[in-house]
Amino acid sequence: MLAQRMMWIAWPAFVLAGVLEMVVFAVVDPQSLRWFGQPLGMSREAVYTLAFFVFWLLTMVSSALTTLLSMSPFEVNRGTSPVKGLPEGDTKEAGSH
């Protein structure tokens, strides 16, 4: 189950990071970027690579938060719970994602 949740987080984030990479660098030239007024001093490929991993990390955090918020309180606090222990109106079974 953990591996499945990790893929729910990592795969969409990977795809979105690729799209962000294309959109951002279609507009921004990596050689024109500055850090505290100084040129970055990195090749274009290094900037592309670093930016991709930053985009991927940020979108994974977003996906992880979405996954966390979709869990019932019982899943978050206790890991799993029997169906009979769910509060009234909560029909989500633990582990049924």
N, C-alpha and C. Protein backbone atom coordinates (compact mmCIF):
# COMPACT_ATOMS: atom_id res chain seq x y z
N MET A 1 0.82 -1.20 0.00
CA MET A 1 0.00 0.00 0.00
C MET A 1 0.86 1.26 0.00
N LEU A 2 1.96 1.23 0.76
CA LEU A 2 2.84 2.38 0.81
C LEU A 2 3.47 2.65 -0.56
N ALA A 3 3.87 1.58 -1.24
CA ALA A 3 4.47 1.75 -2.57
C ALA A 3 3.45 2.36 -3.54
N GLN A 4 2.20 1.92 -3.43
CA GLN A 4 1.16 2.47 -4.30
C GLN A 4 0.95 3.95 -4.01
N ARG A 5 0.89 4.32 -2.75
CA ARG A 5 0.72 5.75 -2.41
C ARG A 5 1.91 6.57 -2.89
N MET A 6 3.09 6.03 -2.77
CA MET A 6 4.28 6.75 -3.24
C MET A 6 4.21 7.00 -4.75
N MET A 7 3.69 6.03 -5.48
CA MET A 7 3.53 6.23 -6.93
C MET A 7 2.43 7.23 -7.23
N TRP A 8 1.39 7.27 -6.40
CA TRP A 8 0.35 8.29 -6.57
C TRP A 8 0.95 9.68 -6.39
N ILE A 9 1.99 9.77 -5.61
CA ILE A 9 2.64 11.05 -5.34
C ILE A 9 3.71 11.35 -6.38
N ALA A 10 4.59 10.40 -6.63
CA ALA A 10 5.78 10.65 -7.46
C ALA A 10 5.47 10.76 -8.95
N TRP A 11 4.61 9.89 -9.48
CA TRP A 11 4.39 9.89 -10.93
C TRP A 11 3.72 11.18 -11.43
N PRO A 12 2.60 11.61 -10.87
CA PRO A 12 2.02 12.87 -11.35
C PRO A 12 2.96 14.05 -11.15
N ALA A 13 3.72 14.03 -10.05
CA ALA A 13 4.68 15.10 -9.80
C ALA A 13 5.77 15.11 -10.86
N PHE A 14 6.22 13.93 -11.27
CA PHE A 14 7.24 13.82 -12.31
C PHE A 14 6.74 14.40 -13.63
N VAL A 15 5.53 14.03 -13.99
CA VAL A 15 4.95 14.53 -15.24
C VAL A 15 4.79 16.05 -15.19
N LEU A 16 4.26 16.56 -14.09
CA LEU A 16 4.07 18.00 -13.96
C LEU A 16 5.40 18.74 -13.93
N ALA A 17 6.43 18.16 -13.32
CA ALA A 17 7.75 18.79 -13.31
C ALA A 17 8.29 18.91 -14.73
N GLY A 18 8.05 17.89 -15.56
CA GLY A 18 8.47 17.97 -16.95
C GLY A 18 7.75 19.08 -17.71
N VAL A 19 6.46 19.20 -17.46
CA VAL A 19 5.68 20.27 -18.11
C VAL A 19 6.15 21.64 -17.63
N LEU A 20 6.35 21.79 -16.32
CA LEU A 20 6.84 23.06 -15.78
C LEU A 20 8.20 23.42 -16.38
N GLU A 21 9.06 22.44 -16.52
CA GLU A 21 10.38 22.65 -17.11
C GLU A 21 10.25 23.23 -18.52
N MET A 22 9.37 22.64 -19.31
CA MET A 22 9.19 23.12 -20.69
C MET A 22 8.61 24.54 -20.72
N VAL A 23 7.63 24.79 -19.87
CA VAL A 23 6.98 26.11 -19.87
C VAL A 23 7.95 27.19 -19.39
N VAL A 24 8.63 26.94 -18.27
CA VAL A 24 9.53 27.95 -17.71
C VAL A 24 10.68 28.24 -18.66
N PHE A 25 11.31 27.20 -19.19
CA PHE A 25 12.49 27.45 -20.02
C PHE A 25 12.15 27.76 -21.48
N ALA A 26 10.88 27.77 -21.81
CA ALA A 26 10.47 28.33 -23.10
C ALA A 26 10.49 29.85 -23.02
N VAL A 27 10.39 30.38 -21.79
CA VAL A 27 10.35 31.82 -21.57
C VAL A 27 11.67 32.36 -21.01
N VAL A 28 12.35 31.57 -20.18
CA VAL A 28 13.55 32.02 -19.48
C VAL A 28 14.79 31.36 -20.05
N ASP A 29 15.81 32.15 -20.31
CA ASP A 29 17.11 31.62 -20.74
C ASP A 29 17.95 31.37 -19.49
N PRO A 30 18.41 30.14 -19.27
CA PRO A 30 19.18 29.83 -18.06
C PRO A 30 20.45 30.68 -17.92
N GLN A 31 21.01 31.11 -19.01
CA GLN A 31 22.23 31.91 -18.95
C GLN A 31 21.96 33.34 -18.46
N SER A 32 20.72 33.77 -18.50
CA SER A 32 20.39 35.13 -18.03
C SER A 32 20.00 35.17 -16.56
N LEU A 33 19.95 34.03 -15.91
CA LEU A 33 19.57 33.98 -14.49
C LEU A 33 20.67 34.53 -13.61
N ARG A 34 20.29 35.20 -12.55
CA ARG A 34 21.24 35.78 -11.59
C ARG A 34 20.91 35.31 -10.18
N TRP A 35 21.91 35.17 -9.33
CA TRP A 35 21.76 34.83 -7.92
C TRP A 35 22.48 35.88 -7.13
N PHE A 36 21.73 36.71 -6.40
CA PHE A 36 22.26 37.85 -5.65
C PHE A 36 23.09 38.77 -6.55
N GLY A 37 22.58 39.01 -7.75
CA GLY A 37 23.21 39.92 -8.68
C GLY A 37 24.36 39.35 -9.48
N GLN A 38 24.74 38.12 -9.21
CA GLN A 38 25.85 37.47 -9.91
C GLN A 38 25.32 36.39 -10.83
N PRO A 39 26.00 36.16 -11.97
CA PRO A 39 25.59 35.04 -12.84
C PRO A 39 25.69 33.72 -12.07
N LEU A 40 24.87 32.76 -12.44
CA LEU A 40 24.86 31.48 -11.74
C LEU A 40 26.17 30.71 -11.87
N GLY A 41 26.82 30.83 -12.98
CA GLY A 41 28.08 30.11 -13.19
C GLY A 41 27.88 28.63 -13.45
N MET A 42 26.70 28.25 -13.91
CA MET A 42 26.41 26.85 -14.24
C MET A 42 26.02 26.77 -15.70
N SER A 43 26.25 25.61 -16.30
CA SER A 43 25.87 25.41 -17.70
C SER A 43 24.35 25.37 -17.81
N ARG A 44 23.87 25.50 -19.03
CA ARG A 44 22.42 25.42 -19.27
C ARG A 44 21.87 24.08 -18.79
N GLU A 45 22.59 23.00 -19.13
CA GLU A 45 22.14 21.67 -18.75
C GLU A 45 22.06 21.52 -17.23
N ALA A 46 23.01 22.10 -16.51
CA ALA A 46 22.99 22.03 -15.04
C ALA A 46 21.78 22.78 -14.49
N VAL A 47 21.48 23.93 -15.06
CA VAL A 47 20.32 24.70 -14.61
C VAL A 47 19.04 23.93 -14.92
N TYR A 48 18.95 23.33 -16.12
CA TYR A 48 17.78 22.53 -16.46
C TYR A 48 17.60 21.37 -15.48
N THR A 49 18.68 20.69 -15.17
CA THR A 49 18.62 19.54 -14.27
C THR A 49 18.22 19.96 -12.87
N LEU A 50 18.87 20.98 -12.35
CA LEU A 50 18.56 21.46 -11.01
C LEU A 50 17.11 21.94 -10.92
N ALA A 51 16.68 22.69 -11.92
CA ALA A 51 15.30 23.19 -11.93
C ALA A 51 14.30 22.04 -11.99
N PHE A 52 14.59 21.02 -12.80
CA PHE A 52 13.68 19.88 -12.88
C PHE A 52 13.50 19.24 -11.51
N PHE A 53 14.60 19.01 -10.79
CA PHE A 53 14.49 18.36 -9.48
C PHE A 53 13.80 19.27 -8.45
N VAL A 54 14.00 20.56 -8.55
CA VAL A 54 13.28 21.49 -7.66
C VAL A 54 11.78 21.45 -7.97
N PHE A 55 11.43 21.49 -9.26
CA PHE A 55 10.02 21.40 -9.65
C PHE A 55 9.42 20.08 -9.19
N TRP A 56 10.17 18.99 -9.35
CA TRP A 56 9.68 17.67 -8.97
C TRP A 56 9.45 17.61 -7.46
N LEU A 57 10.39 18.13 -6.70
CA LEU A 57 10.25 18.13 -5.23
C LEU A 57 9.02 18.93 -4.80
N LEU A 58 8.85 20.12 -5.37
CA LEU A 58 7.70 20.96 -4.99
C LEU A 58 6.37 20.32 -5.36
N THR A 59 6.30 19.70 -6.53
CA THR A 59 5.05 19.07 -6.93
C THR A 59 4.80 17.78 -6.15
N MET A 60 5.87 17.09 -5.71
CA MET A 60 5.68 15.92 -4.85
C MET A 60 5.13 16.34 -3.49
N VAL A 61 5.61 17.45 -2.97
CA VAL A 61 5.07 17.94 -1.70
C VAL A 61 3.58 18.25 -1.85
N SER A 62 3.22 18.87 -2.96
CA SER A 62 1.81 19.17 -3.21
C SER A 62 0.98 17.89 -3.32
N SER A 63 1.47 16.91 -4.06
CA SER A 63 0.75 15.64 -4.21
C SER A 63 0.66 14.90 -2.88
N ALA A 64 1.73 14.94 -2.09
CA ALA A 64 1.72 14.27 -0.78
C ALA A 64 0.70 14.91 0.15
N LEU A 65 0.61 16.22 0.11
CA LEU A 65 -0.38 16.91 0.93
C LEU A 65 -1.79 16.54 0.50
N THR A 66 -2.02 16.46 -0.80
CA THR A 66 -3.33 16.05 -1.30
C THR A 66 -3.67 14.63 -0.85
N THR A 67 -2.69 13.74 -0.93
CA THR A 67 -2.90 12.36 -0.48
C THR A 67 -3.20 12.31 1.01
N LEU A 68 -2.47 13.07 1.79
CA LEU A 68 -2.70 13.11 3.23
C LEU A 68 -4.10 13.63 3.54
N LEU A 69 -4.50 14.68 2.85
CA LEU A 69 -5.82 15.26 3.11
C LEU A 69 -6.97 14.36 2.66
N SER A 70 -6.70 13.42 1.76
CA SER A 70 -7.75 12.52 1.30
C SER A 70 -7.96 11.34 2.24
N MET A 71 -7.07 11.17 3.21
CA MET A 71 -7.18 10.06 4.15
C MET A 71 -8.18 10.41 5.26
N SER A 72 -8.82 9.36 5.79
CA SER A 72 -9.73 9.58 6.92
C SER A 72 -8.88 9.82 8.16
N PRO A 73 -9.47 10.43 9.18
CA PRO A 73 -8.73 10.65 10.43
C PRO A 73 -8.21 9.36 11.06
N PHE A 74 -8.97 8.27 10.89
CA PHE A 74 -8.53 7.00 11.45
C PHE A 74 -7.28 6.49 10.75
N GLU A 75 -7.21 6.67 9.43
CA GLU A 75 -6.01 6.25 8.69
C GLU A 75 -4.80 7.05 9.12
N VAL A 76 -4.98 8.33 9.34
CA VAL A 76 -3.87 9.19 9.71
C VAL A 76 -3.40 8.89 11.12
N ASN A 77 -4.33 8.75 12.07
CA ASN A 77 -3.98 8.61 13.48
C ASN A 77 -3.65 7.20 13.91
N ARG A 78 -4.28 6.22 13.31
CA ARG A 78 -4.08 4.84 13.76
C ARG A 78 -3.52 3.92 12.69
N GLY A 79 -3.33 4.38 11.49
CA GLY A 79 -2.85 3.52 10.42
C GLY A 79 -4.01 2.88 9.69
N THR A 80 -4.71 1.94 10.34
CA THR A 80 -5.89 1.32 9.75
C THR A 80 -6.93 1.16 10.85
N SER A 81 -8.15 1.04 10.47
CA SER A 81 -9.21 0.85 11.44
C SER A 81 -10.25 -0.08 10.85
N PRO A 82 -10.92 -0.84 11.70
CA PRO A 82 -12.02 -1.66 11.19
C PRO A 82 -13.16 -0.75 10.77
N VAL A 83 -13.96 -1.23 9.85
CA VAL A 83 -15.09 -0.44 9.35
C VAL A 83 -16.03 -0.07 10.48
N LYS A 84 -16.25 -0.98 11.44
CA LYS A 84 -17.19 -0.68 12.52
C LYS A 84 -16.70 0.46 13.41
N GLY A 85 -15.40 0.80 13.37
CA GLY A 85 -14.87 1.87 14.20
C GLY A 85 -14.92 3.23 13.55
N LEU A 86 -15.40 3.29 12.32
CA LEU A 86 -15.47 4.58 11.64
C LEU A 86 -16.62 5.40 12.18
N PRO A 87 -16.45 6.71 12.23
CA PRO A 87 -17.54 7.55 12.70
C PRO A 87 -18.73 7.51 11.75
N GLU A 88 -19.88 7.87 12.26
CA GLU A 88 -21.10 7.86 11.45
C GLU A 88 -20.93 8.78 10.24
N GLY A 89 -21.31 8.29 9.08
CA GLY A 89 -21.21 9.08 7.86
C GLY A 89 -19.89 8.89 7.13
N ASP A 90 -18.88 8.26 7.76
CA ASP A 90 -17.60 8.03 7.11
C ASP A 90 -17.60 6.61 6.58
N THR A 91 -17.85 6.47 5.28
CA THR A 91 -17.96 5.14 4.68
C THR A 91 -16.66 4.65 4.09
N LYS A 92 -15.61 5.44 4.17
CA LYS A 92 -14.31 5.08 3.59
C LYS A 92 -13.68 3.99 4.45
N GLU A 93 -13.37 2.87 3.83
CA GLU A 93 -12.71 1.79 4.55
C GLU A 93 -11.21 2.05 4.56
N ALA A 94 -10.56 1.73 5.63
CA ALA A 94 -9.11 1.86 5.71
C ALA A 94 -8.48 0.89 4.73
N GLY A 95 -7.55 1.38 3.95
CA GLY A 95 -6.86 0.53 2.99
C GLY A 95 -7.61 0.33 1.69
N SER A 96 -8.69 1.04 1.45
CA SER A 96 -9.47 0.83 0.22
C SER A 96 -9.09 1.82 -0.87
N HIS A 97 -7.97 2.53 -0.73
CA HIS A 97 -7.57 3.53 -1.72
C HIS A 97 -7.20 2.88 -3.00
